[in-house]
Amino acid sequence: MRNLPRFMLAKIAFRSFFLQSSWNYRGMMNMGFLYAISPALDRLHAPGPAREAAYLRHLEYFNTNPYFASIVMGVTLALEERLSRGEITEDIIHDTKEGLMTACAAIGDGLFWDSWRPFVAAAALAFAFGNYLLTPLIFLALYNLPHLYFRFFGIFWGYREGTHIIRSLRQFQFPQIRQSLRYGTLVLLAYLVPNHVNLHTPFLLTNLPIEYFYFGEKVVQGIGALVLVSLGTVAYRARIDVLLISFLLMVCALVLYHWGILI
């Protein structure tokens, strides 16, 4: 039997936005975690030693991806509820929380920081080059859709599934999603390079009739884009991070501009 109403879980999901407001080197996100779930702890444990022990229990070290923290909160509250009924011991809560926060950190950081954010940034660049004034809002909307999904639905999901949440997380196939997003980022960069970067090609003026100059220039730009994207693909398959690849492309562009090759 579940004792926490949906309104309280939604309230905890909202309070999770302040997870890092008391970030500290000793406990990382521990104070923010306790602040978020404290209304549920007050409901599950009567005033006295049991509530004090629950507060102290969640002042332990805690660090995970902030978007996936709601899942950990949901599972933790499900276990706290079972503890209040005497079904489990405190050690199970500690061990489950520690293991789950590590798994969620690995999944969330890889998904959002390393894959989704570069992909959305590249997509926003495509809109920006099209002179869309709402590009910043498009970026924020695209980026925050999955973020808000996991933040708000994650706590309900974790609370309902409990310790079976790991089995459910596997259904998302996060490694495949990450790989698809990274390839998608390279595809968007491949689109942006030939369409929004101009090569200074004076040798075409002396070797091509003027009526073929535009066509020849586009061919050279396409070859240059193909070379850059091929190098990026090789670098990615060599397990070089997409953000580092993007940074190296930027450095390469600055060097070529300095040499007068890019205009």
Protein backbone atom coordinates (compact mmCIF):
# COMPACT_ATOMS: atom_id res chain seq x y z
CA MET A 1 0.00 0.00 0.00
CA ARG A 2 1.34 3.41 -0.99
CA ASN A 3 1.01 6.25 1.52
CA LEU A 4 2.36 9.19 -0.49
CA PRO A 5 -0.19 11.08 -2.61
CA ARG A 6 0.58 12.15 -6.16
CA PHE A 7 0.49 15.81 -5.17
CA MET A 8 3.31 15.28 -2.68
CA LEU A 9 5.40 13.43 -5.26
CA ALA A 10 4.89 16.31 -7.71
CA LYS A 11 5.91 18.72 -4.95
CA ILE A 12 9.10 16.74 -4.36
CA ALA A 13 9.83 16.76 -8.10
CA PHE A 14 9.54 20.56 -8.07
CA ARG A 15 11.77 20.82 -5.00
CA SER A 16 14.37 18.75 -6.88
CA PHE A 17 15.13 21.87 -8.95
CA PHE A 18 16.98 23.09 -5.84
CA LEU A 19 19.05 19.91 -5.60
CA GLN A 20 22.33 21.78 -6.13
CA SER A 21 21.45 24.98 -4.28
CA SER A 22 23.42 23.79 -1.21
CA TRP A 23 26.12 21.94 -3.11
CA ASN A 24 29.16 21.26 -0.91
CA TYR A 25 32.41 19.34 -1.17
CA ARG A 26 31.67 17.05 1.75
CA GLY A 27 28.27 15.72 0.78
CA MET A 28 27.88 17.12 -2.77
CA MET A 29 24.07 17.18 -3.28
CA ASN A 30 23.13 15.68 0.09
CA MET A 31 21.46 18.78 1.54
CA GLY A 32 19.47 19.41 -1.63
CA PHE A 33 18.40 15.76 -1.69
CA LEU A 34 17.20 15.93 1.92
CA TYR A 35 15.40 19.22 1.28
CA ALA A 36 13.54 17.69 -1.68
CA ILE A 37 12.30 14.55 0.10
CA SER A 38 11.79 16.02 3.60
CA PRO A 39 7.97 16.46 3.19
CA ALA A 40 7.67 12.74 2.45
CA LEU A 41 9.94 11.81 5.36
CA ASP A 42 7.77 13.91 7.68
CA ARG A 43 4.71 12.02 6.47
CA LEU A 44 6.27 8.55 6.72
CA HIS A 45 8.00 8.91 10.09
CA ALA A 46 6.47 10.24 13.29
CA PRO A 47 8.30 13.01 15.19
CA GLY A 48 11.06 11.57 17.29
CA PRO A 49 14.01 9.20 16.85
CA ALA A 50 12.68 7.60 13.65
CA ARG A 51 12.37 10.95 11.83
CA GLU A 52 15.74 12.15 13.13
CA ALA A 53 17.39 8.95 11.93
CA ALA A 54 15.79 9.40 8.50
CA TYR A 55 17.12 12.95 8.23
CA LEU A 56 20.62 11.88 9.27
CA ARG A 57 20.47 8.94 6.86
CA HIS A 58 19.97 11.25 3.90
CA LEU A 59 22.66 13.71 4.93
CA GLU A 60 25.16 11.14 3.71
CA TYR A 61 27.17 11.71 0.54
CA PHE A 62 24.97 11.96 -2.54
CA ASN A 63 25.97 12.85 -6.09
CA THR A 64 24.29 11.94 -9.36
CA ASN A 65 22.97 13.50 -12.55
CA PRO A 66 20.47 16.17 -11.42
CA TYR A 67 17.92 15.18 -14.08
CA PHE A 68 17.92 11.54 -12.95
CA ALA A 69 17.93 12.38 -9.25
CA SER A 70 14.13 12.20 -9.17
CA ILE A 71 14.31 8.50 -9.99
CA VAL A 72 16.61 7.95 -7.01
CA MET A 73 14.24 9.98 -4.84
CA GLY A 74 11.27 7.89 -5.90
CA VAL A 75 13.02 4.59 -5.16
CA THR A 76 14.34 5.93 -1.85
CA LEU A 77 10.86 6.98 -0.73
CA ALA A 78 9.45 3.58 -1.66
CA LEU A 79 12.11 1.98 0.55
CA GLU A 80 11.53 4.51 3.35
CA GLU A 81 7.87 3.55 3.25
CA ARG A 82 8.76 -0.12 3.62
CA LEU A 83 11.14 0.75 6.47
CA SER A 84 8.35 2.60 8.29
CA ARG A 85 6.33 -0.65 8.17
CA GLY A 86 9.28 -2.68 9.46
CA GLU A 87 9.74 -4.70 6.26
CA ILE A 88 13.41 -3.80 5.61
CA THR A 89 16.44 -2.38 7.41
CA GLU A 90 18.30 0.90 6.98
CA ASP A 91 21.22 -0.86 5.29
CA ILE A 92 19.04 -1.73 2.28
CA ILE A 93 18.17 1.94 1.79
CA HIS A 94 21.82 2.96 2.02
CA ASP A 95 23.09 0.29 -0.38
CA THR A 96 20.29 0.78 -2.91
CA LYS A 97 20.62 4.55 -2.91
CA GLU A 98 24.40 4.38 -3.33
CA GLY A 99 24.25 1.93 -6.22
CA LEU A 100 21.38 3.70 -7.95
CA MET A 101 22.93 7.16 -7.76
CA THR A 102 26.09 5.83 -9.41
CA ALA A 103 24.14 4.16 -12.22
CA CYS A 104 21.98 7.24 -12.79
CA ALA A 105 25.06 9.47 -12.84
CA ALA A 106 26.65 7.35 -15.57
CA ILE A 107 23.45 7.16 -17.64
CA GLY A 108 22.37 10.78 -17.18
CA ASP A 109 25.77 12.40 -17.75
CA GLY A 110 26.39 10.32 -20.86
CA LEU A 111 22.92 11.00 -22.23
CA PHE A 112 22.52 14.71 -21.50
CA TRP A 113 26.01 16.22 -21.24
CA ASP A 114 27.82 14.12 -23.86
CA SER A 115 25.04 13.43 -26.39
CA TRP A 116 21.80 15.36 -26.15
CA ARG A 117 23.27 18.81 -25.46
CA PRO A 118 25.73 18.78 -28.43
CA PHE A 119 22.96 17.49 -30.71
CA VAL A 120 20.49 20.20 -29.68
CA ALA A 121 23.22 22.86 -29.92
CA ALA A 122 24.01 21.79 -33.50
CA ALA A 123 20.29 21.79 -34.35
CA ALA A 124 19.94 25.28 -32.86
CA LEU A 125 22.85 26.46 -35.02
CA ALA A 126 20.94 25.31 -38.10
CA PHE A 127 17.97 27.44 -37.01
CA ALA A 128 20.27 30.37 -36.16
CA PHE A 129 21.82 30.38 -39.63
CA GLY A 130 18.27 30.53 -40.97
CA ASN A 131 17.80 33.83 -39.09
CA TYR A 132 15.07 32.48 -36.81
CA LEU A 133 14.71 34.93 -33.94
CA LEU A 134 13.19 32.25 -31.72
CA THR A 135 16.30 30.05 -31.93
CA PRO A 136 17.19 30.47 -28.21
CA LEU A 137 13.67 29.42 -27.23
CA ILE A 138 13.80 26.49 -29.66
CA PHE A 139 17.06 25.36 -28.06
CA LEU A 140 15.64 25.61 -24.53
CA ALA A 141 12.43 23.82 -25.50
CA LEU A 142 14.20 20.95 -27.28
CA TYR A 143 16.80 20.50 -24.57
CA ASN A 144 14.37 20.59 -21.66
CA LEU A 145 11.71 18.23 -23.02
CA PRO A 146 13.54 15.02 -21.96
CA HIS A 147 14.96 16.79 -18.91
CA LEU A 148 11.54 17.70 -17.55
CA TYR A 149 10.18 14.27 -18.45
CA PHE A 150 12.75 12.49 -16.31
CA ARG A 151 12.60 15.07 -13.54
CA PHE A 152 8.82 14.94 -13.05
CA PHE A 153 7.86 11.45 -14.21
CA GLY A 154 11.03 9.90 -12.80
CA ILE A 155 9.89 10.28 -9.20
CA PHE A 156 6.54 8.59 -9.92
CA TRP A 157 8.31 5.91 -11.87
CA GLY A 158 10.89 5.24 -9.17
CA TYR A 159 8.27 5.27 -6.42
CA ARG A 160 6.08 2.77 -8.30
CA GLU A 161 8.86 0.44 -9.49
CA GLY A 162 11.03 0.55 -6.40
CA THR A 163 14.17 -1.59 -6.68
CA HIS A 164 12.96 -2.98 -10.03
CA ILE A 165 13.72 0.37 -11.67
CA ILE A 166 17.08 -0.83 -13.06
CA ARG A 167 15.32 -3.48 -15.10
CA SER A 168 12.97 -0.83 -16.49
CA LEU A 169 15.83 1.55 -17.31
CA ARG A 170 17.39 -1.09 -19.55
CA GLN A 171 14.37 -0.91 -21.85
CA PHE A 172 15.44 2.59 -22.96
CA GLN A 173 18.63 1.22 -24.56
CA PHE A 174 20.59 4.34 -23.60
CA PRO A 175 23.87 3.29 -25.28
CA GLN A 176 22.10 3.07 -28.66
CA ILE A 177 20.37 6.41 -28.07
CA ARG A 178 23.69 8.05 -27.23
CA GLN A 179 25.34 6.64 -30.34
CA SER A 180 22.47 7.80 -32.56
CA LEU A 181 22.59 11.30 -31.08
CA ARG A 182 26.35 11.53 -31.63
CA TYR A 183 26.05 10.47 -35.24
CA GLY A 184 23.18 12.93 -35.60
CA THR A 185 25.44 15.71 -34.30
CA LEU A 186 28.05 14.86 -36.93
CA VAL A 187 25.36 14.85 -39.64
CA LEU A 188 24.18 18.33 -38.58
CA LEU A 189 27.77 19.59 -38.60
CA ALA A 190 28.14 18.07 -42.06
CA TYR A 191 25.15 20.10 -43.17
CA LEU A 192 26.37 23.34 -41.58
CA VAL A 193 29.93 23.24 -42.91
CA PRO A 194 29.26 23.27 -46.69
CA ASN A 195 26.22 25.54 -46.41
CA HIS A 196 27.58 28.23 -44.12
CA VAL A 197 31.37 28.18 -44.61
CA ASN A 198 32.90 29.76 -47.70
CA LEU A 199 36.27 28.76 -49.09
CA HIS A 200 38.54 31.37 -50.63
CA THR A 201 39.29 29.70 -53.98
CA PRO A 202 41.18 32.18 -56.19
CA PHE A 203 42.83 29.32 -58.11
CA LEU A 204 39.42 28.53 -59.61
CA LEU A 205 39.35 31.96 -61.25
CA THR A 206 42.46 31.20 -63.24
CA ASN A 207 41.59 27.60 -64.12
CA LEU A 208 37.85 27.73 -64.78
CA PRO A 209 35.69 29.86 -67.07
CA ILE A 210 33.67 32.36 -65.09
CA GLU A 211 30.38 30.62 -65.94
CA TYR A 212 31.64 27.47 -64.17
CA PHE A 213 33.11 29.26 -61.19
CA TYR A 214 30.06 28.92 -58.93
CA PHE A 215 29.75 25.21 -59.67
CA GLY A 216 33.47 24.62 -59.09
CA GLU A 217 33.39 26.55 -55.83
CA LYS A 218 30.52 24.40 -54.54
CA VAL A 219 32.37 21.24 -55.52
CA VAL A 220 35.46 22.36 -53.61
CA GLN A 221 33.35 23.25 -50.58
CA GLY A 222 31.62 19.87 -50.73
CA ILE A 223 34.95 18.06 -50.89
CA GLY A 224 36.22 20.10 -47.95
CA ALA A 225 33.09 19.32 -45.95
CA LEU A 226 33.38 15.63 -46.83
CA VAL A 227 36.99 15.58 -45.63
CA LEU A 228 36.10 17.31 -42.35
CA VAL A 229 33.14 15.05 -41.67
CA SER A 230 35.17 11.96 -42.55
CA LEU A 231 37.87 13.03 -40.13
CA GLY A 232 35.20 13.67 -37.49
CA THR A 233 33.69 10.24 -38.06
CA VAL A 234 37.09 8.55 -37.79
CA ALA A 235 37.78 10.50 -34.60
CA TYR A 236 34.43 9.47 -33.13
CA ARG A 237 34.96 5.82 -34.00
CA ALA A 238 38.32 6.16 -32.24
CA ARG A 239 36.25 7.06 -29.13
CA ILE A 240 37.14 10.75 -29.14
CA ASP A 241 34.38 12.78 -27.47
CA VAL A 242 31.99 14.69 -29.75
CA LEU A 243 32.55 17.91 -27.80
CA LEU A 244 36.30 17.60 -28.37
CA ILE A 245 35.68 16.93 -32.08
CA SER A 246 33.53 20.07 -32.29
CA PHE A 247 36.25 22.07 -30.52
CA LEU A 248 38.92 20.77 -32.92
CA LEU A 249 36.72 21.69 -35.90
CA MET A 250 36.42 25.22 -34.50
CA VAL A 251 40.20 25.48 -34.03
CA CYS A 252 40.72 24.15 -37.57
CA ALA A 253 38.30 26.77 -38.92
CA LEU A 254 40.14 29.58 -37.10
CA VAL A 255 43.50 28.42 -38.46
CA LEU A 256 42.16 28.18 -42.02
CA TYR A 257 40.61 31.64 -41.67
CA HIS A 258 43.93 33.02 -40.49
CA TRP A 259 45.61 31.53 -43.55
CA GLY A 260 43.00 33.11 -45.79
CA ILE A 261 41.50 29.81 -46.93
CA LEU A 262 38.16 30.39 -45.19
CA ILE A 263 36.27 33.64 -45.62
